[in-house]
Amino acid sequence: MVRLVDLTTAFVRSESDGEIEIVVNFGPLSGREATLAEVDRLARRLLATVDDVRVHAIRTHDVSAVSETIVHQVVVETDAPASTAEALRDVCEAWAAECAAERSLEPLGF
């Protein structure tokens, strides 16, 4: 049996005219946080498609008595037309893959 794995990294979370939000699951691909320079590079690339953009680099810690996870995401927000959502997602996806190819960390083995 062949198991297919979805390697999609960027997802459009909301898309309507004037409110596009894209989430990039950066950590699973790269094993690390996005650097400030990488976030800046993404923002500048997105400006080729939209007039303005807000980019957040987020690190979330989820902790319980039996587990701990750290999630590294990048969130893009813009007030562009909904018709640009997939193009923006594609830019984010390519950017994340490029960042991971440049510098990735291997997960800790326990």
Foldseek 3Di string as FASTA:
>chain_A
DDDDDDPQFKDFPDFAQQKTKIKGQLCVLFVDADDPVLQVVLQVVCCVPDVHKDKDWDWDWDDDPVDIDITTMIMMIGNHHRVCRVVSSVSVRVSSNVVNVVHGDDDDDD
